[in-house]
N, C-alpha and C. Protein backbone atom coordinates (compact mmCIF):
# COMPACT_ATOMS: atom_id res chain seq x y z
N MET A 1 0.69 -1.46 0.17
CA MET A 1 0.12 0.10 0.09
C MET A 1 0.76 1.65 -0.03
N SER A 2 0.59 2.19 -0.66
CA SER A 2 1.63 3.56 -0.79
C SER A 2 0.68 4.61 -0.18
N ASN A 3 1.97 5.02 0.13
CA ASN A 3 1.80 6.33 1.68
C ASN A 3 1.80 7.75 0.76
N ASP A 4 1.58 7.62 -0.48
CA ASP A 4 1.71 9.02 -1.61
C ASP A 4 -0.28 9.15 -2.07
N ALA A 5 -1.17 8.64 -0.70
CA ALA A 5 -2.19 8.68 -1.46
C ALA A 5 -2.38 10.11 -1.25
N HIS A 6 -2.93 10.67 -2.22
CA HIS A 6 -3.97 12.48 -2.46
C HIS A 6 -4.82 12.25 -1.74
N VAL A 7 -5.43 13.49 -0.62
CA VAL A 7 -6.66 13.69 -0.32
C VAL A 7 -6.66 15.20 -0.86
N TYR A 8 -8.41 14.71 -1.67
CA TYR A 8 -8.38 15.85 -2.24
C TYR A 8 -9.22 16.60 -0.84
N VAL A 9 -9.23 18.32 -0.70
CA VAL A 9 -10.36 19.05 0.28
C VAL A 9 -10.81 20.32 -1.00
N LYS A 10 -12.14 19.88 -0.34
CA LYS A 10 -12.51 21.10 -0.95
C LYS A 10 -12.72 22.16 -0.80
N THR A 11 -13.09 23.64 -1.40
CA THR A 11 -12.88 24.71 -0.74
C THR A 11 -14.19 24.86 -0.59
N GLN A 12 -14.22 26.10 0.40
CA GLN A 12 -16.00 26.01 0.94
C GLN A 12 -16.59 26.41 0.06
N THR A 13 -16.02 27.26 -1.17
CA THR A 13 -17.04 27.42 -2.53
C THR A 13 -17.15 26.46 -3.22
N GLU A 14 -16.46 25.13 -3.28
CA GLU A 14 -16.75 23.92 -3.99
C GLU A 14 -17.82 23.58 -3.35
N TYR A 15 -17.72 23.24 -1.73
CA TYR A 15 -18.37 22.86 -0.95
C TYR A 15 -20.16 23.29 -0.92
N GLU A 16 -20.03 24.31 -1.01
CA GLU A 16 -21.40 25.62 -0.90
C GLU A 16 -22.07 25.41 -2.56
N TYR A 17 -21.40 25.42 -3.16
CA TYR A 17 -22.10 24.76 -4.73
C TYR A 17 -22.79 23.88 -4.65
N THR A 18 -21.63 22.78 -4.14
CA THR A 18 -22.14 21.54 -4.50
C THR A 18 -23.33 21.08 -3.33
N ARG A 19 -23.33 21.49 -2.30
CA ARG A 19 -24.39 21.51 -1.61
C ARG A 19 -25.63 21.98 -1.58
N ARG A 20 -25.80 23.54 -2.72
CA ARG A 20 -26.56 24.11 -3.41
C ARG A 20 -27.51 23.38 -4.20
N LYS A 21 -26.56 22.44 -5.06
CA LYS A 21 -26.86 21.69 -6.33
C LYS A 21 -27.40 20.86 -5.83
N ARG A 22 -27.38 19.85 -4.99
CA ARG A 22 -27.66 18.74 -4.26
C ARG A 22 -29.27 19.00 -3.77
N ARG A 23 -29.23 20.21 -2.98
CA ARG A 23 -30.53 20.91 -2.65
C ARG A 23 -31.61 21.27 -3.59
N GLU A 24 -31.13 21.75 -4.96
CA GLU A 24 -32.09 22.37 -5.59
C GLU A 24 -32.38 20.94 -6.85
N ASP A 25 -31.14 19.93 -6.53
CA ASP A 25 -32.09 18.39 -7.18
C ASP A 25 -33.02 17.94 -6.50
N MET A 26 -32.70 18.25 -5.03
CA MET A 26 -34.02 17.42 -4.27
C MET A 26 -35.12 18.03 -4.42
N ARG A 27 -35.04 19.60 -4.70
CA ARG A 27 -36.20 19.75 -4.48
C ARG A 27 -36.99 19.66 -5.66
N ALA A 28 -36.47 19.75 -7.20
CA ALA A 28 -37.15 19.12 -8.38
C ALA A 28 -37.36 17.30 -8.36
N GLN A 29 -37.03 16.51 -7.63
CA GLN A 29 -37.34 15.41 -7.54
C GLN A 29 -38.48 15.30 -6.61
N VAL A 30 -38.79 16.08 -5.35
CA VAL A 30 -39.96 15.95 -4.69
C VAL A 30 -40.95 16.60 -5.54
N THR A 31 -40.66 17.69 -6.11
CA THR A 31 -41.79 18.48 -6.78
C THR A 31 -42.69 17.74 -7.68
N THR A 32 -42.06 16.72 -8.65
CA THR A 32 -41.86 16.04 -9.41
C THR A 32 -42.49 14.94 -8.80
N PHE A 33 -42.48 14.46 -7.97
CA PHE A 33 -42.75 13.32 -7.36
C PHE A 33 -44.26 13.86 -6.99
N ALA A 34 -44.50 15.04 -6.70
CA ALA A 34 -46.02 15.42 -5.96
C ALA A 34 -46.87 15.58 -7.05
N ILE A 35 -46.42 16.27 -8.01
CA ILE A 35 -47.02 16.19 -9.65
C ILE A 35 -47.43 14.84 -9.63
N MET A 36 -46.44 13.33 -10.19
CA MET A 36 -47.05 12.50 -10.60
C MET A 36 -48.71 11.57 -9.25
N ILE A 37 -47.44 12.26 -8.33
CA ILE A 37 -49.28 11.51 -7.17
C ILE A 37 -50.24 12.58 -7.45
N PHE A 38 -50.06 13.86 -7.67
CA PHE A 38 -51.43 14.48 -8.21
C PHE A 38 -52.35 14.12 -9.97
N LEU A 39 -51.20 13.68 -10.48
CA LEU A 39 -51.95 12.94 -12.18
C LEU A 39 -52.77 11.59 -11.62
N THR A 40 -51.98 10.97 -10.59
CA THR A 40 -52.34 9.53 -10.66
C THR A 40 -53.94 9.85 -9.57
N LEU A 41 -53.73 10.23 -8.54
CA LEU A 41 -54.90 11.58 -8.06
C LEU A 41 -56.34 11.28 -8.74
N VAL A 42 -55.74 12.38 -9.69
CA VAL A 42 -56.44 12.60 -11.28
C VAL A 42 -57.23 11.85 -12.03
N SER A 43 -56.25 10.46 -11.81
CA SER A 43 -56.20 9.56 -12.79
C SER A 43 -57.52 8.60 -12.18
N PHE A 44 -57.40 8.49 -10.72
CA PHE A 44 -58.29 7.42 -9.75
C PHE A 44 -59.96 8.54 -10.04
N THR A 45 -59.64 9.59 -9.99
CA THR A 45 -60.94 10.32 -9.32
C THR A 45 -61.79 10.23 -10.82
N SER A 46 -61.34 10.05 -11.94
CA SER A 46 -62.01 10.03 -13.18
C SER A 46 -62.61 9.01 -13.13
N VAL A 47 -61.63 7.94 -12.68
CA VAL A 47 -62.44 6.97 -13.09
C VAL A 47 -63.92 6.55 -12.06
N ALA A 48 -63.34 6.91 -10.57
CA ALA A 48 -64.50 6.26 -9.52
C ALA A 48 -65.70 7.54 -9.74
N ALA A 49 -65.40 8.77 -10.66
CA ALA A 49 -66.97 9.60 -10.86
C ALA A 49 -67.05 9.25 -11.51
N GLY A 50 -67.07 7.82 -12.26
CA GLY A 50 -68.47 7.37 -13.58
C GLY A 50 -68.62 8.00 -14.82
N PHE A 51 -67.29 8.71 -14.91
CA PHE A 51 -67.30 9.43 -16.55
C PHE A 51 -67.38 8.52 -17.18
N SER A 52 -68.15 9.04 -18.50
CA SER A 52 -67.60 8.16 -19.75
C SER A 52 -66.64 7.62 -20.29
N LYS A 53 -66.20 6.42 -20.78
CA LYS A 53 -65.08 5.66 -20.93
C LYS A 53 -64.30 6.69 -22.37
N TYR A 54 -65.41 7.01 -23.13
CA TYR A 54 -64.49 8.24 -23.91
C TYR A 54 -63.73 8.86 -23.33
N TYR A 55 -64.26 9.65 -22.35
CA TYR A 55 -63.62 10.77 -21.96
C TYR A 55 -62.68 10.25 -20.92
N ILE A 56 -62.67 9.36 -20.11
CA ILE A 56 -61.17 8.93 -19.08
C ILE A 56 -60.43 7.83 -19.58
N VAL A 57 -60.57 7.34 -21.02
CA VAL A 57 -59.55 6.57 -21.69
C VAL A 57 -58.42 7.78 -22.47
N PRO A 58 -58.98 8.88 -22.83
CA PRO A 58 -57.67 9.42 -23.43
C PRO A 58 -57.02 10.59 -22.22
N ILE A 59 -57.79 10.96 -21.48
CA ILE A 59 -57.27 11.55 -19.96
C ILE A 59 -56.08 10.60 -19.50
N ILE A 60 -56.48 9.60 -19.12
CA ILE A 60 -55.74 8.69 -18.67
C ILE A 60 -54.55 8.33 -19.23
N LEU A 61 -54.41 8.40 -20.43
CA LEU A 61 -53.41 8.08 -21.26
C LEU A 61 -52.48 9.05 -21.87
N LEU A 62 -53.06 10.19 -21.88
CA LEU A 62 -52.42 11.62 -21.68
C LEU A 62 -51.32 12.08 -20.36
N LEU A 63 -52.52 11.37 -19.46
CA LEU A 63 -51.52 11.56 -17.95
C LEU A 63 -50.08 10.95 -17.65
N ALA A 64 -50.35 9.24 -18.17
CA ALA A 64 -49.25 8.52 -18.41
C ALA A 64 -48.24 8.78 -19.03
N ALA A 65 -48.65 9.86 -20.55
CA ALA A 65 -47.71 9.58 -21.41
C ALA A 65 -46.45 10.80 -20.19
N ILE A 66 -47.25 12.38 -19.82
CA ILE A 66 -46.77 12.96 -18.74
C ILE A 66 -45.89 12.32 -17.83
N GLN A 67 -46.29 11.07 -16.96
CA GLN A 67 -45.70 10.63 -15.86
C GLN A 67 -44.36 9.86 -16.26
N VAL A 68 -44.84 9.16 -17.52
CA VAL A 68 -43.43 8.68 -18.43
C VAL A 68 -42.51 9.71 -18.68
N VAL A 69 -42.76 10.73 -18.97
CA VAL A 69 -41.79 12.21 -19.81
C VAL A 69 -40.63 12.26 -18.07
N LEU A 70 -41.79 12.77 -17.12
CA LEU A 70 -41.26 13.06 -16.14
C LEU A 70 -40.29 11.92 -15.45
N GLN A 71 -40.45 10.72 -15.54
CA GLN A 71 -39.80 9.79 -14.57
C GLN A 71 -38.40 9.85 -15.41
N LEU A 72 -38.44 9.66 -17.07
CA LEU A 72 -36.87 9.82 -17.75
C LEU A 72 -36.22 11.18 -17.69
N TYR A 73 -37.00 12.10 -16.94
CA TYR A 73 -36.40 13.60 -17.68
C TYR A 73 -35.61 13.71 -15.86
N TYR A 74 -36.81 13.89 -14.97
CA TYR A 74 -35.99 13.64 -13.51
C TYR A 74 -35.22 12.85 -12.49
N PHE A 75 -36.54 10.94 -12.87
CA PHE A 75 -35.74 10.08 -11.66
C PHE A 75 -34.85 8.88 -12.53
N MET A 76 -35.01 9.27 -14.02
CA MET A 76 -33.52 8.66 -14.76
C MET A 76 -32.40 9.18 -15.25
N HIS A 77 -32.12 10.03 -14.41
CA HIS A 77 -31.37 11.50 -14.44
C HIS A 77 -30.77 11.95 -16.39
N MET A 78 -32.09 11.82 -16.87
CA MET A 78 -31.72 12.52 -18.84
C MET A 78 -31.76 13.79 -18.92
N SER A 79 -32.00 14.47 -17.50
CA SER A 79 -31.72 15.75 -17.39
C SER A 79 -30.39 16.35 -17.54
N GLU A 80 -29.12 16.07 -16.70
CA GLU A 80 -28.38 16.02 -16.88
C GLU A 80 -27.37 15.58 -18.09
N LYS A 81 -25.93 16.34 -17.72
CA LYS A 81 -25.27 16.53 -18.78
C LYS A 81 -24.44 14.98 -19.01
N GLY A 82 -24.26 14.54 -20.50
CA GLY A 82 -23.62 13.65 -20.61
C GLY A 82 -24.48 12.29 -20.85
N HIS A 83 -25.92 12.74 -21.08
CA HIS A 83 -26.44 11.84 -21.57
C HIS A 83 -27.74 11.98 -22.56
N ALA A 84 -27.04 12.92 -23.80
CA ALA A 84 -27.50 13.51 -24.76
C ALA A 84 -27.74 12.09 -25.78
N VAL A 85 -26.35 10.89 -25.78
CA VAL A 85 -26.85 10.11 -27.32
C VAL A 85 -27.90 8.90 -26.73
N THR A 86 -28.10 8.92 -25.17
CA THR A 86 -28.85 8.18 -24.38
C THR A 86 -30.41 8.88 -25.52
N THR A 87 -30.41 9.77 -24.84
CA THR A 87 -31.48 10.26 -24.86
C THR A 87 -32.14 10.14 -26.33
N PHE A 88 -31.22 11.04 -27.38
CA PHE A 88 -31.94 10.57 -28.57
C PHE A 88 -32.07 10.00 -29.03
N PHE A 89 -31.13 8.44 -28.64
CA PHE A 89 -31.87 7.28 -28.95
C PHE A 89 -33.34 6.41 -28.40
N LEU A 90 -33.68 7.21 -27.11
CA LEU A 90 -34.45 7.08 -26.59
C LEU A 90 -35.97 8.04 -27.42
N TYR A 91 -35.59 9.10 -27.65
CA TYR A 91 -37.35 9.63 -28.41
C TYR A 91 -37.11 9.40 -29.75
N SER A 92 -35.86 8.53 -30.39
CA SER A 92 -36.33 8.16 -31.57
C SER A 92 -36.64 6.99 -31.67
N ALA A 93 -36.69 5.79 -30.69
CA ALA A 93 -37.48 4.72 -30.47
C ALA A 93 -38.47 4.99 -30.22
N ALA A 94 -39.16 6.09 -29.37
CA ALA A 94 -40.11 6.56 -29.53
C ALA A 94 -40.99 7.23 -30.21
N THR A 95 -40.37 7.88 -31.18
CA THR A 95 -41.13 8.39 -31.89
C THR A 95 -41.12 7.27 -33.31
N ILE A 96 -40.52 6.04 -33.75
CA ILE A 96 -40.33 5.21 -34.50
C ILE A 96 -41.23 4.29 -33.98
N GLY A 97 -42.10 4.04 -32.55
CA GLY A 97 -42.96 3.45 -32.22
C GLY A 97 -44.12 3.83 -31.96
N PHE A 98 -44.14 5.28 -32.30
CA PHE A 98 -45.50 5.94 -32.16
C PHE A 98 -45.97 6.01 -33.66
N THR A 99 -44.89 6.41 -34.89
CA THR A 99 -45.43 5.95 -35.82
C THR A 99 -46.04 4.45 -36.41
N ILE A 100 -45.03 4.02 -36.31
CA ILE A 100 -45.49 2.59 -36.90
C ILE A 100 -47.33 1.68 -35.93
N LEU A 101 -47.36 2.40 -34.61
CA LEU A 101 -48.66 2.63 -34.02
C LEU A 101 -49.11 3.31 -35.05
N LEU A 102 -49.12 4.36 -35.54
CA LEU A 102 -50.16 5.04 -35.93
C LEU A 102 -50.20 4.74 -37.36
N THR A 103 -49.01 4.02 -38.60
CA THR A 103 -49.73 3.15 -39.69
C THR A 103 -50.25 2.53 -39.55
N PHE A 104 -50.12 1.70 -38.38
CA PHE A 104 -51.28 0.10 -38.08
C PHE A 104 -52.14 0.71 -37.85
N LEU A 105 -52.44 1.87 -36.94
CA LEU A 105 -53.84 2.14 -36.92
C LEU A 105 -54.82 2.66 -38.54
N THR A 106 -53.86 3.18 -38.94
CA THR A 106 -54.44 4.06 -39.75
C THR A 106 -54.54 2.85 -41.24
N ILE A 107 -53.85 1.65 -40.81
CA ILE A 107 -54.19 0.73 -42.40
C ILE A 107 -55.58 0.17 -41.59
N ILE A 108 -55.39 -0.43 -40.28
CA ILE A 108 -56.92 -1.00 -40.24
C ILE A 108 -58.21 -0.07 -39.92
N TRP A 109 -57.91 0.98 -39.27
CA TRP A 109 -59.38 1.61 -39.62
C TRP A 109 -59.77 2.28 -41.13
N TRP A 110 -58.82 2.62 -41.69
CA TRP A 110 -59.22 3.40 -42.82
C TRP A 110 -59.67 2.43 -44.22
């Protein structure tokens, strides 16, 4: 084992920046989690209220899509630097999948 181990000590400015950044990240995650809980409650409430299924299904699908985007962006850390290639491939696959789905639905119902 070497005795030449270097220990890096953060300056006060680096420490404060890291602490502020982590606090902002945590606040964003808690806020996003609260939004997703609210969207889930809206979905359950619309089903429990007995609305028409032609109203409920599109609303639930829209709220689910919003939750997927929020989960990817905040909880899977897609908003951070260094995830550009992953983000590109993910959104490209989603676009291709949506296009294929739309194509098949158009072929079947047209």
